[in-house]
Amino acid sequence: MLFPIRSAGIHSPPAKLKGQSFSLVASPLRFQVLASSSAGNSAYLSDGETGILVDCGLSGKEALRRLEAANIPYQSIDAIFVTHEHIDHICGLAGIARKIKKPIYLTAQTAAAIDDCSADVHFQTFQAGSKFKFGSFEVQSFSLPHDAIDPVGYTFESQAGKVGVATDLGYMPDSIRVHISGCDILLLESNHDLEMLKVGPYPWALKQRVMSRRGHLSNEGASHFIREDMSHRTKRLILGHLSEQNNLPALVHMIAMDALRHKGLSATELIVAEPRQQCAAIEI
């Protein structure tokens, strides 16, 4: 059964309940990757006023466990923003949405592709490329070249700073470069090493899919963006969605650090989100 589909617009999250353990007082921008790989993807963002979960590709139980481990009350989540309908991004979506009883933002085409959620959880839909206000954040969506129905990436900007999320993309079009170039914190895909993929265990058809322009961004693709286009404003760069079969965290780190030095971005902190692991919180 599909979620009821409603139009997205200018929304503010409801006020928090008295006595809860988190605060609406202005605080540093916080971003935390709860999971980033083909085994599950999810991240939490807050500026102290509005809390957002980007994707929920973990089981509902595991997502709640990781939120608790990160000292993030699930009640602080004001909405879930979905990038696309692949299972590693929506596995626990229905369970978490029923728990927090907050809206899920996604494109109308992505909503139509998800058919296993109950009617008591609702969608707020928008068109890919839309820009709108949610709580204290200005949200910019942008289309991604990936083999899903209508995949999008996001930037979230408030007075505290700007965060970008761009994973699951086969290459880096100019439009995406523009959207993510001014982020203070950026989560970018660095999925595979091309040579490891070519000689690795995947069937040839799957290798072609990953390498295609609607597949996944390679280490070399991420490095090229860093060298040519990454902004000096970016204080924290997180490289994620690493393949467990066709990549190595140490290799990702080495290639990216070389690109950062080439660009003169020695002040940018590099974090590699290892598969099946939760990252520490980042604050600016």
Protein backbone atom coordinates (compact mmCIF):
# COMPACT_ATOMS: atom_id res chain seq x y z
CA MET A 1 0.00 0.00 0.00
CA LEU A 2 1.34 3.46 -0.86
CA PHE A 3 1.73 6.22 1.64
CA PRO A 4 -0.82 9.01 1.18
CA ILE A 5 0.83 11.51 -1.15
CA ARG A 6 0.75 15.18 -0.24
CA SER A 7 2.39 18.19 -1.80
CA ALA A 8 5.53 19.67 -0.31
CA GLY A 9 5.59 23.31 0.63
CA ILE A 10 6.91 25.56 3.36
CA HIS A 11 6.75 23.60 6.57
CA SER A 12 8.00 24.06 10.11
CA PRO A 13 8.43 21.12 12.44
CA PRO A 14 6.13 21.01 15.43
CA ALA A 15 7.38 22.26 18.78
CA LYS A 16 9.18 19.72 20.96
CA LEU A 17 7.44 18.37 24.02
CA LYS A 18 8.23 19.90 27.39
CA GLY A 19 10.78 17.94 29.38
CA GLN A 20 12.52 16.20 26.46
CA SER A 21 16.31 15.93 26.67
CA PHE A 22 17.23 18.02 23.65
CA SER A 23 17.10 21.77 23.15
CA LEU A 24 15.99 24.26 20.54
CA VAL A 25 18.67 26.70 21.66
CA ALA A 26 21.03 27.55 18.80
CA SER A 27 23.97 25.16 18.64
CA PRO A 28 26.68 24.11 16.19
CA LEU A 29 25.70 22.34 13.00
CA ARG A 30 25.87 18.59 13.66
CA PHE A 31 26.09 15.88 11.02
CA GLN A 32 26.56 12.18 11.72
CA VAL A 33 26.73 9.26 9.32
CA LEU A 34 24.93 6.33 10.95
CA ALA A 35 25.67 4.00 8.01
CA SER A 36 27.05 4.37 4.49
CA SER A 37 27.45 1.38 2.19
CA SER A 38 25.40 -1.05 0.11
CA ALA A 39 24.50 -2.68 3.45
CA GLY A 40 22.61 0.45 4.54
CA ASN A 41 22.67 4.24 4.39
CA SER A 42 21.46 6.81 6.90
CA ALA A 43 22.66 10.14 8.31
CA TYR A 44 21.44 12.63 10.90
CA LEU A 45 21.60 16.41 10.65
CA SER A 46 20.71 19.10 13.18
CA ASP A 47 21.37 22.78 13.77
CA GLY A 48 19.88 22.67 17.27
CA GLU A 49 16.47 23.76 16.02
CA THR A 50 15.55 21.26 13.31
CA GLY A 51 16.54 17.59 13.14
CA ILE A 52 16.58 15.62 9.88
CA LEU A 53 17.27 11.99 9.02
CA VAL A 54 18.54 11.45 5.48
CA ASP A 55 17.51 7.95 4.33
CA CYS A 56 16.89 4.95 6.56
CA GLY A 57 18.53 1.94 4.95
CA LEU A 58 19.03 0.17 8.27
CA SER A 59 16.35 -1.92 9.93
CA GLY A 60 14.16 0.12 12.22
CA LYS A 61 15.63 -1.62 15.27
CA GLU A 62 19.22 -1.02 14.16
CA ALA A 63 18.53 2.61 13.25
CA LEU A 64 17.11 3.26 16.72
CA ARG A 65 20.10 1.49 18.30
CA ARG A 66 22.57 3.67 16.41
CA LEU A 67 20.64 6.84 17.20
CA GLU A 68 20.73 5.91 20.88
CA ALA A 69 24.45 5.11 20.69
CA ALA A 70 25.00 8.57 19.22
CA ASN A 71 22.92 10.22 21.98
CA ILE A 72 20.34 11.35 19.42
CA PRO A 73 16.77 11.14 20.77
CA TYR A 74 14.52 9.83 18.02
CA GLN A 75 12.05 12.54 19.06
CA SER A 76 14.50 15.14 17.74
CA ILE A 77 13.89 13.96 14.16
CA ASP A 78 11.42 16.34 12.52
CA ALA A 79 11.40 14.66 9.09
CA ILE A 80 13.05 12.00 6.96
CA PHE A 81 14.42 12.96 3.55
CA VAL A 82 14.76 10.07 1.08
CA THR A 83 17.20 10.06 -1.84
CA HIS A 84 15.76 7.10 -3.77
CA GLU A 85 13.90 3.82 -3.42
CA HIS A 86 16.74 1.26 -3.36
CA ILE A 87 16.52 -1.01 -0.34
CA ASP A 88 19.85 0.12 1.15
CA HIS A 89 18.25 3.55 1.56
CA ILE A 90 14.72 2.68 2.72
CA CYS A 91 14.94 -0.68 4.52
CA GLY A 92 13.78 0.71 7.87
CA LEU A 93 11.83 3.68 6.57
CA ALA A 94 8.33 2.50 7.48
CA GLY A 95 9.29 1.38 10.97
CA ILE A 96 11.12 4.59 11.85
CA ALA A 97 8.41 6.77 10.33
CA ARG A 98 5.73 5.04 12.39
CA LYS A 99 7.88 5.48 15.50
CA ILE A 100 8.59 9.18 15.11
CA LYS A 101 5.26 10.05 13.41
CA LYS A 102 6.84 12.73 11.23
CA PRO A 103 6.68 13.38 7.47
CA ILE A 104 8.84 11.76 4.83
CA TYR A 105 10.07 14.00 2.02
CA LEU A 106 10.80 12.46 -1.37
CA THR A 107 9.96 12.93 -5.02
CA ALA A 108 6.53 11.87 -6.25
CA GLN A 109 8.06 9.26 -8.57
CA THR A 110 10.07 7.77 -5.71
CA ALA A 111 6.93 7.68 -3.57
CA ALA A 112 5.11 5.75 -6.27
CA ALA A 113 7.97 3.21 -6.37
CA ILE A 114 7.60 2.34 -2.68
CA ASP A 115 4.63 0.05 -2.12
CA ASP A 116 5.24 -1.79 1.14
CA CYS A 117 4.45 0.83 3.77
CA SER A 118 1.30 1.29 5.79
CA ALA A 119 -1.14 4.13 5.31
CA ASP A 120 -0.50 5.60 8.76
CA VAL A 121 2.84 6.97 7.56
CA HIS A 122 2.67 9.81 5.07
CA PHE A 123 4.78 11.34 2.33
CA GLN A 124 5.38 14.97 1.48
CA THR A 125 6.30 14.94 -2.19
CA PHE A 126 8.22 17.39 -4.34
CA GLN A 127 9.69 17.58 -7.82
CA ALA A 128 13.40 16.85 -8.25
CA GLY A 129 15.25 20.15 -8.39
CA SER A 130 12.83 21.86 -6.01
CA LYS A 131 14.05 24.26 -3.36
CA PHE A 132 11.93 24.78 -0.26
CA LYS A 133 12.01 25.63 3.43
CA PHE A 134 11.78 23.02 6.17
CA GLY A 135 12.10 24.25 9.72
CA SER A 136 15.29 26.27 10.00
CA PHE A 137 16.78 24.70 6.84
CA GLU A 138 16.55 25.74 3.23
CA VAL A 139 16.49 22.47 1.32
CA GLN A 140 17.77 22.18 -2.25
CA SER A 141 17.16 18.91 -4.08
CA PHE A 142 19.00 17.98 -7.27
CA SER A 143 18.78 15.04 -9.67
CA LEU A 144 21.44 12.34 -9.56
CA PRO A 145 22.58 10.12 -12.47
CA HIS A 146 21.77 6.73 -10.93
CA ASP A 147 19.72 3.69 -11.97
CA ALA A 148 16.77 4.46 -9.71
CA ILE A 149 13.36 5.92 -10.58
CA ASP A 150 14.02 9.56 -9.65
CA PRO A 151 17.11 9.80 -7.41
CA VAL A 152 18.09 13.06 -5.76
CA GLY A 153 20.81 14.51 -3.61
CA TYR A 154 20.34 17.36 -1.14
CA THR A 155 21.88 20.41 0.37
CA PHE A 156 20.56 21.66 3.71
CA GLU A 157 21.44 25.22 4.68
CA SER A 158 20.66 27.24 7.80
CA GLN A 159 22.37 30.03 9.71
CA ALA A 160 24.63 27.36 11.21
CA GLY A 161 26.04 26.27 7.84
CA LYS A 162 25.47 24.14 4.76
CA VAL A 163 25.56 20.35 4.41
CA GLY A 164 25.53 18.40 1.13
CA VAL A 165 24.67 14.74 0.50
CA ALA A 166 25.62 13.29 -2.89
CA THR A 167 25.98 9.51 -3.07
CA ASP A 168 24.77 6.96 -5.63
CA LEU A 169 25.79 8.83 -8.76
CA GLY A 170 27.56 7.44 -11.79
CA TYR A 171 29.39 10.65 -12.65
CA MET A 172 29.53 14.29 -11.60
CA PRO A 173 27.53 16.57 -13.90
CA ASP A 174 28.08 20.33 -13.77
CA SER A 175 24.72 20.85 -12.07
CA ILE A 176 25.78 18.78 -9.06
CA ARG A 177 29.19 20.45 -8.90
CA VAL A 178 27.44 23.80 -8.56
CA HIS A 179 25.06 22.64 -5.83
CA ILE A 180 27.67 21.03 -3.58
CA SER A 181 30.59 23.38 -4.16
CA GLY A 182 29.82 25.68 -1.22
CA CYS A 183 29.11 23.12 1.51
CA ASP A 184 30.69 23.37 4.94
CA ILE A 185 30.18 19.60 5.36
CA LEU A 186 29.94 17.29 2.34
CA LEU A 187 29.10 13.58 2.16
CA LEU A 188 30.31 12.37 -1.24
CA GLU A 189 30.44 8.92 -2.78
CA SER A 190 33.76 7.16 -3.37
CA ASN A 191 32.38 3.73 -4.16
CA HIS A 192 35.02 1.68 -5.93
CA ASP A 193 38.52 1.39 -7.25
CA LEU A 194 38.20 0.83 -10.97
CA GLU A 195 40.91 -1.82 -11.22
CA MET A 196 39.63 -3.72 -8.18
CA LEU A 197 36.15 -3.68 -9.71
CA LYS A 198 37.38 -4.99 -13.06
CA VAL A 199 39.17 -8.00 -11.53
CA GLY A 200 36.75 -8.49 -8.64
CA PRO A 201 34.04 -11.09 -8.03
CA TYR A 202 31.05 -9.26 -9.53
CA PRO A 203 29.40 -10.71 -12.68
CA TRP A 204 30.30 -8.71 -15.79
CA ALA A 205 26.77 -7.27 -16.08
CA LEU A 206 26.98 -5.89 -12.54
CA LYS A 207 30.45 -4.48 -13.19
CA GLN A 208 29.07 -2.66 -16.22
CA ARG A 209 26.21 -1.27 -14.14
CA VAL A 210 28.54 0.05 -11.41
CA MET A 211 30.91 1.60 -13.95
CA SER A 212 28.15 3.17 -16.03
CA ARG A 213 27.07 6.82 -15.95
CA ARG A 214 24.06 5.70 -13.92
CA GLY A 215 26.08 3.58 -11.51
CA HIS A 216 28.44 4.65 -8.72
CA LEU A 217 31.20 7.23 -8.43
CA SER A 218 34.71 5.77 -8.35
CA ASN A 219 37.64 6.88 -6.21
CA GLU A 220 39.02 8.57 -9.31
CA GLY A 221 35.72 10.39 -9.91
CA ALA A 222 35.65 11.69 -6.35
CA SER A 223 39.32 12.70 -6.58
CA HIS A 224 38.70 14.62 -9.80
CA PHE A 225 35.93 16.63 -8.14
CA ILE A 226 38.19 17.44 -5.18
CA ARG A 227 41.04 18.56 -7.42
CA GLU A 228 38.97 20.61 -9.82
CA ASP A 229 35.86 21.86 -8.05
CA MET A 230 35.73 21.41 -4.29
CA SER A 231 35.25 24.66 -2.40
CA HIS A 232 37.73 26.02 0.14
CA ARG A 233 34.65 26.58 2.30
CA THR A 234 34.33 22.82 2.86
CA LYS A 235 35.62 22.16 6.38
CA ARG A 236 34.69 18.47 6.56
CA LEU A 237 34.67 16.01 3.66
CA ILE A 238 33.14 12.59 4.27
CA LEU A 239 33.69 9.93 1.61
CA GLY A 240 31.10 7.18 1.79
CA HIS A 241 29.16 4.37 0.13
CA LEU A 242 32.38 2.36 -0.18
CA SER A 243 32.10 -1.05 -1.82
CA GLU A 244 33.11 -3.85 0.50
CA GLN A 245 34.32 -5.98 -2.43
CA ASN A 246 35.87 -3.36 -4.71
CA ASN A 247 37.47 -0.78 -2.46
CA LEU A 248 39.61 -0.26 0.63
CA PRO A 249 39.19 2.57 3.17
CA ALA A 250 42.96 3.13 3.24
CA LEU A 251 43.02 3.47 -0.55
CA VAL A 252 40.13 5.95 -0.50
CA HIS A 253 41.93 7.99 2.15
CA MET A 254 45.24 7.99 0.27
CA ILE A 255 43.74 9.07 -3.07
CA ALA A 256 41.56 11.76 -1.50
CA MET A 257 44.38 13.18 0.62
CA ASP A 258 46.53 13.49 -2.48
CA ALA A 259 43.71 15.39 -4.20
CA LEU A 260 43.22 17.68 -1.20
CA ARG A 261 46.92 18.53 -1.12
CA HIS A 262 46.86 19.19 -4.88
CA LYS A 263 43.92 21.59 -4.39
CA GLY A 264 45.56 23.31 -1.43
CA LEU A 265 42.86 22.14 0.97
CA SER A 266 45.12 20.98 3.78
CA ALA A 267 42.74 22.52 6.35
CA THR A 268 39.85 20.32 5.20
CA GLU A 269 39.24 17.37 7.51
CA LEU A 270 38.82 14.08 5.63
CA ILE A 271 36.65 11.31 7.06
CA VAL A 272 36.23 7.92 5.37
CA ALA A 273 32.92 6.28 6.32
CA GLU A 274 33.79 2.60 6.50
CA PRO A 275 31.15 0.02 5.52
CA ARG A 276 28.87 -1.24 8.33
CA GLN A 277 30.30 1.27 10.80
CA GLN A 278 28.87 4.36 12.44
CA CYS A 279 30.92 7.54 12.18
CA ALA A 280 31.54 9.96 15.00
CA ALA A 281 29.50 13.16 15.01
CA ILE A 282 30.88 16.18 13.15
CA GLU A 283 30.21 19.71 14.41
CA ILE A 284 31.10 23.09 12.99
